[in-house]
Each structure stands twice: as C-alpha cells, then as structure tokens.
C-alpha cells in the first residue's frame, strides 16, 4: 500500500520510532510535463492542526541542461490546518529534458525551535532529488485518443496509514502531464469515518455526497474529473477484494478491510451485490489490482484475498491489472486478464497507479510503527488508460466509453494501435485484409525495442505469437498477414528505455 505515509498513529502505544511532534511535510511535483504547461511544485503538509508550525524559508534548486538555478522565499507562513498545499516557485528558465529539483525548507515549531529539511520531513528516509521529465513534444498518440489515471486517491482517503492528494493539485498535475481525465477512486471504508478525526464514525452517505460535490465541473483546458469509489467487497471465498466504481452517484458500503473494525472484517457486500448497484446507474465497474501481493498479516487481520476466475461476473466491464509497477502483480494480473480473453470474454483492460497524491514518488509504511520506504512506482498519471472517443471528451462520453468497452491502450509513454479487418470500432479497423500496427515513441522514452502480436486461433486454450518485430526506431507502421480462424488479436510494445504499451483485444470481422 503506497501513499503519502501517516506517521502519527501509534495504535494506542506510548511511542513509535516514526512519531514526531511535527506535521508530515513532503515536497512534490509531477513526474513529467508536456510542452507549454507550468509544473506545479508544492509542499504538502498534513496534521499541522495537531502540530502547528511556521514555514520560515524555502530554497528551491533546479538542475537541468548542465545548468543550476536557484530561488529563495521568506514566507513566515503559519500552518495550523489538517492539510496545506503550498505552491513553491520554479526558477526560470524552464529547460526541456530531465529536471532534478531539491527544496530546502525551514519551519519553526510552537516552542520556537527551528527545523530544516531537504525535500521531506519523514524520519529514516533518504532525501533524493525530485525528477521531472519535461517532454519536448506531447505524448505520441493519434487524434481521437485521450488518457487518464483510473485508480488514485485524494484527501478523502485518510486513515491510520495514509493520506491522499489535494484534488486541485492533482488536477493541475493531470493538466501538466497532458491527461484528459482522471478518476478519484477513494476508499469505501474511509467514507464511513470523520475528517480530520479518522477514527470517529460518521455518516458515509452524507460524506460521499460532499465528496462528489467537491469537484468542480470541467472548465476549458482542464482535465475531466470522475468522482468514483474503490469498494471493498467479498469474493466467492468471502475474502475482501477491491472493485472500482467509476462515477457512481451513490455511496456503496464496504468496510471489511478498512482496519478500524479490527477482527470484524467480513465483507459488507459481495461482488454480485455491488455489480447490481452499478447496473442500476449504468456505472462502469472494474476489478482492481486482481493479483496484489498479500502478506500473512493482511490475510489474517483484514481477510484480504484476490480476484478469482469465478468472480468475473457479467456486469464487470474490465480488469485493472496495471497498478503502477510492472512487477509480479502486473505479470500475474495480465495473465489473469488473458485467461479471461481465452474463455471468450472481452473485458476492457485499464491502468491506474493507486497513487495517494504521490506525484513524483510514493512513500510506504514498510514495517508498522517502525520504518518507511519510497518507490518510483505508483506515481499519479504514470501508467495510463488511453481510450478512443468518437466525440469530444466530456464526462458523459468518457463514462460511456468506459462502460461500453471503447478501444483501449495501456501505456506509460509510447503509442501503440492495432487494427484488424472488420473490427467494429473505426479506430481499430484495418482498411485492408491485413493487420496494421502503428507505433510511436519519443526520444525521452527510447526507441522501440520489441513489438509482439498475439492471437487466439479458433478456440485454442492458449495464445499464439503471430509476429515479433524489433525496429529499433521511434516509429513503425507495419502490415501483418492475418492468420486464418483468428478469434482476437492484441499487441505489446517495449522501448529501449523500459517504457511499455499494450492494446486491448481486437476482434476481426
């Protein structure tokens, strides 16, 4: 579980190595920026209502293009609310390529003591530079495609181990990264508890209504926000799993693995019960991270499990197997999706990052009460779902595309479009009897290393590799002979820089 880490909860113990009588303070910025967009650099502050401080001075240093630039600010800003998001200056000029950022900041506590920190105030963690990739051109997808992060968390997800990002900051970051939409999939169990006292019960229906109303309607040149919910519910074995309900208008209860009820951890609703509620409103529903790494403590204390093949009920529109990283959970999750394809289903693949704020890197509670760690996986907007829209992007058209299984590509950079003759979607329909591959990368992502095309032949229980290309270039357009009796085709791409893209299943007509 990766997020802005909560370090003040002690489980009623008198002391914790992570506990400090200071707010958590983290400098953050998006991992990339498209041309012409301002990079939101900010200081995120949590729990200052418990530990007020005065932010005295900030020094920002940026290294890029062989240059080092610096700017200082004397702020004398009192911080005493549960959340603060303080914009920081970016020294001019903005240079393309890799930008390394270090922020030295000084605060004064209630006893007049001064504390200086580099990049964050969290204990026992290194202070690596933030790394922002300023692209020289936009992401290389063709017209008609738009991208979003379909699994992330905001300040409405707050509990003993985590706190999420500010929706306005995340929206500014999404714009900076060239995203067209994003879904705030906050936890069902967190809506049942108060804010800022996240150990006091509250009315979850009223809180969910406030959550949905807190996102402003789309304005020009701003991404579309889909207020959503990550529902904790029960699989066929009675274990807690997570399901994404996108832009669902009503609260769906689910506190099974929320941790506040301790060993009363049975699921509130089953998967079919949640899907029944989703169907009432036509809300897109997706299996979240179907193959997570689950430790023994999570199995015993939180009754956590994983999605099983017989949990893939009608009404489940897709599977989110790309959850930030590309490790074992990614490989096993994709295999789970492929097995579902081979069984004759055409559920939509989607990507998200499970970011709780986490624009540049994520912080994890490694050992409860004892240690933290950081990772570059699970950054907001890194792994994205690209969808093709036949009309202008609106909240309704994106919701409809996700519900109806529009053409989808999962990518953290390069573009990959696979077309087949007779496909029912114009964006994936070839104008010849052949398969058509169109792929593009950017210099920042590296040249295209490998592209593989897989197909199911007839009712074979496994896929067949029908083409493998190694262009070592930034762009490729290739025609491939369509084998006989193909049920579906799909493609995967990797660049020399380690970036990936993969398509959904395309059915020839």
Protein backbone atom coordinates (compact mmCIF):
# COMPACT_ATOMS: atom_id res chain seq x y z
CA UNK A 1 0.00 0.00 0.00
CA UNK A 2 1.72 3.12 -1.25
CA UNK A 3 0.88 6.70 -0.45
CA UNK A 4 1.78 9.81 1.49
CA UNK A 5 2.56 7.96 4.73
CA UNK A 6 0.79 8.68 8.02
CA UNK A 7 3.41 8.60 10.81
CA UNK A 8 1.45 9.87 13.84
CA UNK A 9 -0.80 6.87 14.53
CA UNK A 10 0.62 4.73 17.37
CA UNK A 11 -2.13 2.09 17.88
CA UNK A 12 -2.55 3.47 21.44
CA UNK A 13 1.07 2.67 22.21
CA UNK A 14 3.10 5.25 24.15
CA UNK A 15 5.80 5.63 21.50
CA UNK A 16 6.73 4.86 17.90
CA UNK A 17 10.08 5.38 16.13
CA UNK A 18 8.19 7.16 13.33
CA UNK A 19 6.37 9.59 15.63
CA UNK A 20 7.46 13.23 15.59
CA UNK A 21 5.71 16.23 17.12
CA UNK A 22 5.78 17.89 13.72
CA UNK A 23 3.42 17.66 10.73
CA UNK A 24 4.30 15.40 7.82
CA UNK A 25 5.78 17.64 5.11
CA UNK A 26 6.55 16.40 1.59
CA UNK A 27 7.74 18.35 -1.47
CA UNK A 28 6.12 17.02 -4.64
CA UNK A 29 5.78 17.66 -8.39
CA UNK A 30 4.50 15.65 -11.40
CA UNK A 31 6.88 13.08 -12.84
CA UNK A 32 6.59 14.64 -16.34
CA UNK A 33 5.34 17.73 -18.13
CA UNK A 34 4.18 18.26 -21.71
CA UNK A 35 5.30 21.39 -23.60
CA UNK A 36 3.73 24.69 -22.65
CA UNK A 37 2.47 23.56 -19.24
CA UNK A 38 3.54 25.01 -15.91
CA UNK A 39 4.87 22.42 -13.46
CA UNK A 40 3.07 22.59 -10.10
CA UNK A 41 5.80 22.33 -7.46
CA UNK A 42 4.37 22.32 -3.93
CA UNK A 43 4.87 21.46 -0.28
CA UNK A 44 2.20 19.08 1.05
CA UNK A 45 1.63 19.43 4.80
CA UNK A 46 -0.53 17.10 6.91
CA UNK A 47 -1.59 17.20 10.58
CA UNK A 48 -0.50 20.79 11.20
CA UNK A 49 -3.72 21.25 13.22
CA UNK A 50 -2.12 18.89 15.76
CA UNK A 51 1.41 20.28 15.48
CA UNK A 52 1.33 23.89 14.26
CA UNK A 53 4.48 25.32 12.70
CA UNK A 54 5.56 28.46 10.89
CA UNK A 55 7.16 27.96 7.48
CA UNK A 56 10.02 30.45 7.57
CA UNK A 57 12.16 29.96 4.47
CA UNK A 58 12.22 27.92 1.25
CA UNK A 59 15.13 27.44 -1.14
CA UNK A 60 14.44 25.74 -4.49
CA UNK A 61 17.33 24.43 -6.63
CA UNK A 62 16.76 23.03 -10.14
CA UNK A 63 19.45 21.28 -12.21
CA UNK A 64 18.76 20.80 -15.93
CA UNK A 65 20.68 21.02 -19.19
CA UNK A 66 24.01 21.40 -17.41
CA UNK A 67 22.73 24.45 -15.53
CA UNK A 68 21.79 25.03 -11.90
CA UNK A 69 19.20 27.63 -10.99
CA UNK A 70 18.01 28.73 -7.57
CA UNK A 71 15.27 30.80 -5.97
CA UNK A 72 14.63 31.64 -2.30
CA UNK A 73 11.50 32.76 -0.47
CA UNK A 74 10.96 34.09 3.04
CA UNK A 75 7.38 33.19 3.83
CA UNK A 76 6.67 33.36 7.59
CA UNK A 77 3.52 31.36 6.88
CA UNK A 78 1.64 29.84 9.82
CA UNK A 79 0.48 26.25 9.20
CA UNK A 80 -2.27 25.04 11.53
CA UNK A 81 -4.85 23.15 9.43
CA UNK A 82 -5.21 19.40 8.71
CA UNK A 83 -3.96 19.94 5.15
CA UNK A 84 -1.89 22.63 3.46
CA UNK A 85 -0.71 22.65 -0.15
CA UNK A 86 1.81 25.44 -0.54
CA UNK A 87 2.89 26.38 -4.08
CA UNK A 88 6.63 26.79 -4.47
CA UNK A 89 8.45 28.93 -7.04
CA UNK A 90 10.17 27.38 -10.06
CA UNK A 91 13.34 29.26 -11.07
CA UNK A 92 13.39 30.45 -14.69
CA UNK A 93 14.02 29.50 -17.40
CA UNK A 94 12.22 26.17 -17.86
CA UNK A 95 14.51 23.75 -19.72
CA UNK A 96 13.44 20.56 -21.53
CA UNK A 97 14.71 17.13 -20.52
CA UNK A 98 15.43 15.79 -17.07
CA UNK A 99 15.00 18.35 -14.29
CA UNK A 100 16.32 17.48 -10.83
CA UNK A 101 14.73 19.50 -8.02
CA UNK A 102 15.83 19.92 -4.41
CA UNK A 103 13.92 22.01 -1.88
CA UNK A 104 15.42 23.03 1.45
CA UNK A 105 12.78 24.38 3.84
CA UNK A 106 12.86 25.61 7.41
CA UNK A 107 9.99 25.56 9.93
CA UNK A 108 9.63 26.82 13.49
CA UNK A 109 7.59 24.77 15.97
CA UNK A 110 5.36 26.02 18.81
CA UNK A 111 8.33 26.13 21.19
CA UNK A 112 10.36 28.34 18.89
CA UNK A 113 12.73 25.60 17.73
CA UNK A 114 13.90 25.70 14.11
CA UNK A 115 13.93 22.57 11.94
CA UNK A 116 15.48 22.32 8.46
CA UNK A 117 14.51 19.61 5.98
CA UNK A 118 15.51 18.61 2.47
CA UNK A 119 12.56 17.50 0.26
CA UNK A 120 10.58 15.95 3.15
CA UNK A 121 10.36 15.71 6.93
CA UNK A 122 9.76 11.94 7.18
CA UNK A 123 12.10 10.01 9.51
CA UNK A 124 14.68 7.41 8.43
CA UNK A 125 14.28 8.08 4.70
CA UNK A 126 16.87 9.33 2.19
CA UNK A 127 16.22 12.70 0.54
CA UNK A 128 16.61 12.02 -3.18
CA UNK A 129 16.03 14.81 -5.66
CA UNK A 130 12.66 15.04 -7.36
CA UNK A 131 12.88 14.12 -11.04
CA UNK A 132 10.61 15.89 -13.55
CA UNK A 133 10.85 14.93 -17.23
CA UNK A 134 9.97 17.94 -19.38
CA UNK A 135 8.99 16.47 -22.75
CA UNK A 136 9.88 18.29 -25.95
CA UNK A 137 6.63 17.12 -27.59
CA UNK A 138 3.28 15.74 -26.47
CA UNK A 139 2.58 12.06 -25.94
CA UNK A 140 2.59 10.48 -29.40
CA UNK A 141 -0.98 9.13 -29.61
CA UNK A 142 -3.08 9.89 -32.71
CA UNK A 143 -6.02 12.30 -32.69
CA UNK A 144 -9.14 10.96 -31.02
CA UNK A 145 -7.28 9.27 -28.15
CA UNK A 146 -7.27 10.69 -24.64
CA UNK A 147 -5.66 9.37 -21.47
CA UNK A 148 -6.39 9.16 -17.77
CA UNK A 149 -5.46 7.58 -14.47
CA UNK A 150 -8.34 5.36 -13.36
CA UNK A 151 -7.14 4.48 -9.86
CA UNK A 152 -5.92 7.19 -7.48
CA UNK A 153 -6.81 8.71 -4.11
CA UNK A 154 -7.37 12.19 -2.75
CA UNK A 155 -7.65 13.71 0.74
CA UNK A 156 -10.97 11.88 1.10
CA UNK A 157 -8.86 8.73 1.64
CA UNK A 158 -7.33 9.30 5.07
CA UNK A 159 -6.75 6.70 7.78
CA UNK A 160 -4.12 5.34 10.20
CA UNK A 161 -1.57 4.56 7.47
CA UNK A 162 -2.14 7.04 4.64
CA UNK A 163 -3.38 10.37 3.40
CA UNK A 164 -4.13 11.35 -0.17
CA UNK A 165 -3.54 14.25 -2.53
CA UNK A 166 -5.36 17.54 -2.84
CA UNK A 167 -7.87 17.30 -5.72
CA UNK A 168 -6.94 20.76 -7.07
CA UNK A 169 -3.22 19.95 -7.04
CA UNK A 170 -3.88 16.58 -8.69
CA UNK A 171 -5.99 18.27 -11.35
CA UNK A 172 -3.20 20.78 -12.02
CA UNK A 173 -0.74 17.86 -12.21
CA UNK A 174 -3.02 15.97 -14.62
CA UNK A 175 -3.13 19.04 -16.89
CA UNK A 176 0.65 19.43 -16.67
CA UNK A 177 1.07 15.80 -17.78
CA UNK A 178 -1.36 16.10 -20.69
CA UNK A 179 -4.09 13.90 -19.24
CA UNK A 180 -7.66 14.31 -20.44
CA UNK A 181 -9.38 12.81 -17.39
CA UNK A 182 -8.81 11.06 -14.07
CA UNK A 183 -10.94 9.16 -11.58
CA UNK A 184 -10.79 9.91 -7.85
CA UNK A 185 -11.39 6.37 -6.57
CA UNK A 186 -11.45 7.00 -2.83
CA UNK A 187 -11.89 4.14 -0.35
CA UNK A 188 -15.38 2.98 0.60
CA UNK A 189 -14.22 2.37 4.17
CA UNK A 190 -12.80 5.88 4.58
CA UNK A 191 -16.15 7.49 3.78
CA UNK A 192 -17.53 5.91 6.98
CA UNK A 193 -15.13 7.84 9.21
CA UNK A 194 -14.84 11.51 10.06
CA UNK A 195 -12.34 14.13 8.97
CA UNK A 196 -9.93 15.13 10.41
CA UNK A 197 -10.66 12.60 13.20
CA UNK A 198 -10.45 9.49 11.02
CA UNK A 199 -11.10 7.16 13.99
CA UNK A 200 -14.57 8.62 14.71
CA UNK A 201 -17.57 7.18 12.80
CA UNK A 202 -19.63 9.48 10.58
CA UNK A 203 -22.48 9.29 8.09
CA UNK A 204 -20.87 7.79 4.94
CA UNK A 205 -23.77 8.75 2.65
CA UNK A 206 -23.52 12.43 3.58
CA UNK A 207 -19.73 12.36 3.35
CA UNK A 208 -19.88 10.73 -0.09
CA UNK A 209 -22.29 13.42 -1.28
CA UNK A 210 -19.85 16.11 -0.08
CA UNK A 211 -17.04 14.27 -1.86
CA UNK A 212 -18.88 14.25 -5.19
CA UNK A 213 -19.86 17.90 -4.83
CA UNK A 214 -16.27 18.94 -4.03
CA UNK A 215 -15.08 18.50 -7.63
CA UNK A 216 -15.90 21.48 -9.82
CA UNK A 217 -17.38 21.00 -13.29
CA UNK A 218 -14.91 20.90 -16.14
CA UNK A 219 -13.57 24.24 -17.27
CA UNK A 220 -11.80 24.88 -20.57
CA UNK A 221 -8.34 23.33 -20.86
CA UNK A 222 -8.80 21.35 -17.64
CA UNK A 223 -8.99 17.55 -17.28
CA UNK A 224 -12.33 15.89 -16.60
CA UNK A 225 -12.65 14.53 -13.04
CA UNK A 226 -14.75 11.42 -12.39
CA UNK A 227 -15.71 11.19 -8.68
CA UNK A 228 -15.57 7.44 -8.06
CA UNK A 229 -15.19 4.82 -5.35
CA UNK A 230 -12.89 1.91 -4.61
CA UNK A 231 -15.32 -0.51 -2.97
CA UNK A 232 -14.15 -3.19 -0.57
CA UNK A 233 -16.37 -6.21 -1.16
CA UNK A 234 -16.41 -10.00 -0.88
CA UNK A 235 -15.20 -12.51 -3.47
CA UNK A 236 -16.54 -16.04 -3.89
CA UNK A 237 -14.41 -17.18 -0.94
CA UNK A 238 -15.65 -14.47 1.39
CA UNK A 239 -12.35 -12.57 1.22
CA UNK A 240 -12.08 -8.79 0.83
CA UNK A 241 -11.16 -7.59 -2.66
CA UNK A 242 -11.44 -4.15 -4.28
CA UNK A 243 -13.70 -3.02 -7.12
CA UNK A 244 -13.61 0.34 -8.90
CA UNK A 245 -16.97 2.02 -9.48
CA UNK A 246 -16.43 4.91 -11.88
CA UNK A 247 -18.64 8.00 -11.49
CA UNK A 248 -21.26 6.12 -9.45
CA UNK A 249 -23.79 8.56 -7.95
CA UNK A 250 -24.49 6.71 -4.66
CA UNK A 251 -22.31 5.52 -1.81
CA UNK A 252 -21.70 1.76 -1.76
CA UNK A 253 -20.70 0.44 1.70
CA UNK A 254 -17.58 -1.65 2.19
CA UNK A 255 -15.57 -1.65 5.44
CA UNK A 256 -14.33 -5.24 5.52
CA UNK A 257 -10.60 -4.50 5.29
CA UNK A 258 -10.63 -0.89 6.46
CA UNK A 259 -8.79 -1.77 9.66
CA UNK A 260 -10.96 0.21 12.09
CA UNK A 261 -13.25 -2.72 12.95
CA UNK A 262 -10.24 -4.94 13.74
CA UNK A 263 -11.24 -8.62 13.52
CA UNK A 264 -14.79 -7.80 12.44
CA UNK A 265 -13.53 -7.95 8.89
CA UNK A 266 -16.19 -9.79 6.90
CA UNK A 267 -17.21 -8.08 3.64
CA UNK A 268 -20.33 -5.92 3.80
CA UNK A 269 -21.41 -6.78 0.24
CA UNK A 270 -20.50 -9.44 -2.31
CA UNK A 271 -19.23 -8.71 -5.81
CA UNK A 272 -22.65 -9.52 -7.40
CA UNK A 273 -24.39 -7.19 -4.96
CA UNK A 274 -22.05 -4.31 -5.85
CA UNK A 275 -22.42 -5.01 -9.58
CA UNK A 276 -26.20 -4.96 -9.18
CA UNK A 277 -26.00 -1.46 -7.74
CA UNK A 278 -23.62 -0.40 -10.54
CA UNK A 279 -26.07 -1.69 -13.17
CA UNK A 280 -28.88 0.42 -11.72
CA UNK A 281 -26.99 3.57 -12.72
CA UNK A 282 -25.01 2.27 -15.71
CA UNK A 283 -21.74 2.86 -13.86
CA UNK A 284 -18.54 1.29 -15.26
CA UNK A 285 -17.16 -1.36 -12.87
CA UNK A 286 -13.62 -2.78 -12.90
CA UNK A 287 -11.72 -5.38 -10.91
CA UNK A 288 -8.94 -3.50 -9.09
CA UNK A 289 -5.40 -4.98 -8.94
CA UNK A 290 -6.55 -8.63 -9.19
CA UNK A 291 -3.18 -10.12 -8.17
CA UNK A 292 -1.82 -7.97 -5.32
CA UNK A 293 0.97 -9.11 -3.05
CA UNK A 294 -0.76 -10.02 0.22
CA UNK A 295 1.16 -10.69 3.41
CA UNK A 296 0.12 -13.09 6.14
CA UNK A 297 -0.91 -10.24 8.46
CA UNK A 298 -3.22 -8.81 5.78
CA UNK A 299 -4.79 -12.23 5.20
CA UNK A 300 -5.43 -12.81 8.89
CA UNK A 301 -6.25 -9.33 10.22
CA UNK A 302 -8.02 -7.86 7.16
CA UNK A 303 -9.31 -11.04 5.46
CA UNK A 304 -7.78 -9.84 2.21
CA UNK A 305 -7.89 -12.03 -0.89
CA UNK A 306 -7.71 -11.75 -4.66
CA UNK A 307 -9.99 -11.94 -7.64
CA UNK A 308 -10.74 -15.50 -8.80
CA UNK A 309 -11.98 -16.55 -12.27
CA UNK A 310 -15.50 -17.23 -10.96
CA UNK A 311 -15.61 -13.68 -9.56
CA UNK A 312 -15.71 -12.22 -13.09
CA UNK A 313 -19.46 -11.83 -13.23
CA UNK A 314 -21.49 -10.26 -16.05
CA UNK A 315 -21.62 -6.54 -15.45
CA UNK A 316 -17.91 -6.32 -14.68
CA UNK A 317 -16.60 -4.22 -17.54
CA UNK A 318 -12.85 -4.70 -17.18
CA UNK A 319 -9.76 -5.54 -15.19
CA UNK A 320 -7.18 -3.10 -13.85
CA UNK A 321 -4.10 -5.30 -13.86
CA UNK A 322 -1.57 -2.46 -14.38
CA UNK A 323 -1.36 -0.86 -10.94
CA UNK A 324 1.64 1.44 -11.20
CA UNK A 325 4.53 -1.02 -11.31
CA UNK A 326 5.40 -3.82 -13.73
CA UNK A 327 6.48 -6.49 -11.26
CA UNK A 328 4.95 -9.82 -10.36
CA UNK A 329 1.47 -8.38 -9.68
CA UNK A 330 1.47 -6.87 -13.19
CA UNK A 331 2.57 -10.13 -14.88
CA UNK A 332 0.13 -12.28 -12.93
CA UNK A 333 -2.69 -9.76 -13.36
CA UNK A 334 -2.18 -9.62 -17.12
CA UNK A 335 -2.18 -13.44 -17.25
CA UNK A 336 -5.49 -13.33 -15.36
CA UNK A 337 -6.92 -10.95 -17.99
CA UNK A 338 -5.59 -13.10 -20.87
CA UNK A 339 -7.17 -16.24 -19.38
CA UNK A 340 -10.48 -14.35 -19.35
CA UNK A 341 -9.98 -13.42 -23.02
CA UNK A 342 -9.28 -17.04 -23.94
CA UNK A 343 -12.50 -18.02 -22.16
CA UNK A 344 -14.40 -15.86 -24.66
CA UNK A 345 -14.84 -12.64 -22.69
CA UNK A 346 -13.78 -9.22 -23.91
CA UNK A 347 -13.39 -7.23 -20.74
CA UNK A 348 -11.60 -3.91 -21.08
CA UNK A 349 -8.05 -3.65 -19.73
CA UNK A 350 -7.39 -0.48 -17.75
CA UNK A 351 -4.38 1.04 -15.98
CA UNK A 352 -4.03 3.13 -12.87
CA UNK A 353 -1.41 3.77 -10.23
CA UNK A 354 -3.16 3.57 -6.84
CA UNK A 355 -1.42 6.86 -6.06
CA UNK A 356 -2.37 8.63 -2.83
CA UNK A 357 -1.16 12.01 -4.03
CA UNK A 358 2.31 10.66 -4.89
CA UNK A 359 3.17 12.74 -7.95
CA UNK A 360 6.92 12.08 -8.07
CA UNK A 361 7.43 9.06 -5.81
CA UNK A 362 5.38 7.12 -3.27
CA UNK A 363 6.09 6.54 0.42
CA UNK A 364 5.22 3.23 2.04
CA UNK A 365 4.82 2.06 5.62
CA UNK A 366 7.29 -0.82 5.40
CA UNK A 367 7.03 -2.09 8.99
CA UNK A 368 4.12 -0.63 11.00
CA UNK A 369 5.31 1.90 13.62
CA UNK A 370 8.96 1.23 12.72
CA UNK A 371 10.05 2.03 9.16
CA UNK A 372 9.18 3.66 5.83
CA UNK A 373 10.38 3.21 2.28
CA UNK A 374 9.99 5.01 -1.05
CA UNK A 375 9.27 3.76 -4.56
CA UNK A 376 9.01 5.27 -8.03
CA UNK A 377 6.07 3.01 -8.81
CA UNK A 378 2.53 4.20 -8.07
CA UNK A 379 3.08 7.76 -9.27
CA UNK A 380 -0.05 9.61 -10.30
CA UNK A 381 -0.52 9.65 -14.08
CA UNK A 382 2.36 7.28 -14.88
CA UNK A 383 0.55 4.15 -16.10
CA UNK A 384 -2.46 5.39 -18.07
CA UNK A 385 -5.54 4.14 -19.84
CA UNK A 386 -5.84 5.63 -23.32
CA UNK A 387 -9.33 5.42 -24.82
CA UNK A 388 -10.64 6.39 -28.24
CA UNK A 389 -13.64 8.71 -28.32
CA UNK A 390 -15.83 9.26 -31.36
CA UNK A 391 -16.90 12.66 -30.00
CA UNK A 392 -15.42 15.48 -27.93
CA UNK A 393 -14.32 14.45 -24.43
CA UNK A 394 -17.00 15.08 -21.82
CA UNK A 395 -17.74 13.44 -18.52
CA UNK A 396 -20.66 11.61 -20.14
CA UNK A 397 -18.69 10.46 -23.21
CA UNK A 398 -15.79 9.14 -21.11
CA UNK A 399 -18.17 7.36 -18.77
CA UNK A 400 -19.96 5.82 -21.76
CA UNK A 401 -16.68 4.76 -23.40
CA UNK A 402 -15.57 3.01 -20.21
CA UNK A 403 -18.94 1.35 -19.77
CA UNK A 404 -19.22 0.17 -23.37
CA UNK A 405 -15.64 -1.06 -23.78
CA UNK A 406 -14.21 1.51 -26.20
CA UNK A 407 -10.83 0.79 -27.85
CA UNK A 408 -8.18 0.98 -25.12
CA UNK A 409 -4.39 1.06 -24.91
CA UNK A 410 -2.42 0.90 -21.67
CA UNK A 411 0.81 2.89 -21.76
CA UNK A 412 3.30 4.85 -19.68
CA UNK A 413 4.61 6.67 -22.74
CA UNK A 414 4.66 5.18 -26.27
CA UNK A 415 1.69 4.90 -28.61
CA UNK A 416 0.54 1.52 -29.98
CA UNK A 417 -2.54 1.00 -32.13
CA UNK A 418 -3.52 -2.38 -33.61
CA UNK A 419 -6.07 -2.56 -36.42
CA UNK A 420 -7.84 -5.64 -37.79
CA UNK A 421 -10.12 -6.02 -40.82
CA UNK A 422 -13.78 -5.93 -39.90
CA UNK A 423 -13.28 -4.61 -36.37
CA UNK A 424 -16.46 -3.00 -35.09
CA UNK A 425 -14.60 0.17 -33.98
CA UNK A 426 -13.33 2.58 -36.62
CA UNK A 427 -10.18 3.32 -34.58
CA UNK A 428 -9.16 -0.37 -34.67
CA UNK A 429 -10.44 -1.26 -38.17
CA UNK A 430 -7.92 -2.00 -40.90
CA UNK A 431 -8.61 -0.78 -44.44
CA UNK A 432 -7.05 -3.94 -45.90
CA UNK A 433 -7.21 -7.71 -45.30
CA UNK A 434 -4.10 -7.41 -43.14
CA UNK A 435 -3.44 -6.46 -39.56
CA UNK A 436 -1.97 -2.97 -39.24
CA UNK A 437 0.41 -1.91 -36.49
CA UNK A 438 1.08 1.78 -35.79
CA UNK A 439 3.61 2.57 -33.06
CA UNK A 440 5.40 5.73 -32.00
CA UNK A 441 7.80 6.55 -29.18
CA UNK A 442 9.64 9.71 -28.12
CA UNK A 443 13.36 10.18 -27.69
CA UNK A 444 12.74 10.58 -23.94
CA UNK A 445 11.13 7.11 -23.82
CA UNK A 446 13.70 5.41 -26.06
CA UNK A 447 13.50 3.71 -29.45
CA UNK A 448 11.05 0.84 -29.91
CA UNK A 449 12.80 -2.36 -28.92
CA UNK A 450 10.21 -5.12 -29.38
CA UNK A 451 6.64 -5.42 -30.56
CA UNK A 452 4.83 -8.74 -30.23
CA UNK A 453 1.42 -9.59 -31.67
CA UNK A 454 -0.58 -12.41 -30.10
CA UNK A 455 -3.76 -14.11 -31.31
CA UNK A 456 -6.19 -16.78 -30.27
CA UNK A 457 -6.67 -19.25 -33.12
CA UNK A 458 -10.12 -20.78 -33.03
CA UNK A 459 -10.84 -21.99 -29.51
CA UNK A 460 -7.26 -22.85 -28.61
CA UNK A 461 -6.70 -22.58 -24.82
CA UNK A 462 -3.54 -20.51 -25.30
CA UNK A 463 -2.36 -17.58 -27.39
CA UNK A 464 -0.15 -17.85 -30.47
CA UNK A 465 2.66 -15.41 -31.20
CA UNK A 466 1.91 -14.35 -34.78
CA UNK A 467 4.53 -11.60 -35.22
CA UNK A 468 7.62 -10.22 -33.49
CA UNK A 469 9.28 -7.02 -34.64
CA UNK A 470 12.45 -5.27 -33.46
CA UNK A 471 12.52 -1.94 -35.33
CA UNK A 472 14.99 -0.04 -33.08
CA UNK A 473 13.33 3.18 -34.28
CA UNK A 474 10.99 5.81 -32.89
CA UNK A 475 8.13 4.98 -35.26
CA UNK A 476 6.77 1.98 -37.10
CA UNK A 477 3.86 1.23 -39.40
CA UNK A 478 3.63 -2.40 -40.46
CA UNK A 479 1.16 -4.69 -42.19
CA UNK A 480 0.98 -8.28 -40.96
CA UNK A 481 -0.87 -11.11 -42.65
CA UNK A 482 -3.93 -12.10 -40.67
CA UNK A 483 -3.84 -15.81 -39.83
CA UNK A 484 -6.90 -17.92 -40.57
CA UNK A 485 -9.58 -18.52 -37.95
CA UNK A 486 -8.42 -15.77 -35.57
CA UNK A 487 -10.74 -15.04 -32.65
CA UNK A 488 -8.90 -11.96 -31.38
CA UNK A 489 -5.52 -10.24 -31.66
CA UNK A 490 -3.61 -7.98 -29.28
CA UNK A 491 -0.15 -6.38 -29.20
CA UNK A 492 2.56 -5.46 -26.68
CA UNK A 493 5.44 -2.97 -27.05
CA UNK A 494 8.59 -2.20 -25.07
CA UNK A 495 11.13 0.55 -25.67
CA UNK A 496 14.85 0.52 -25.02
CA UNK A 497 14.15 2.94 -22.18
CA UNK A 498 11.90 0.38 -20.46
CA UNK A 499 8.57 2.05 -21.31
CA UNK A 500 5.59 -0.10 -22.31
CA UNK A 501 2.32 -0.10 -24.19
CA UNK A 502 -0.24 -2.84 -24.79
CA UNK A 503 -3.55 -2.95 -26.59
CA UNK A 504 -6.85 -4.43 -25.69
CA UNK A 505 -8.20 -7.40 -27.65
CA UNK A 506 -9.31 -6.57 -31.23
CA UNK A 507 -11.73 -8.93 -32.99
CA UNK A 508 -11.55 -9.26 -36.79
CA UNK A 509 -14.93 -9.18 -38.54
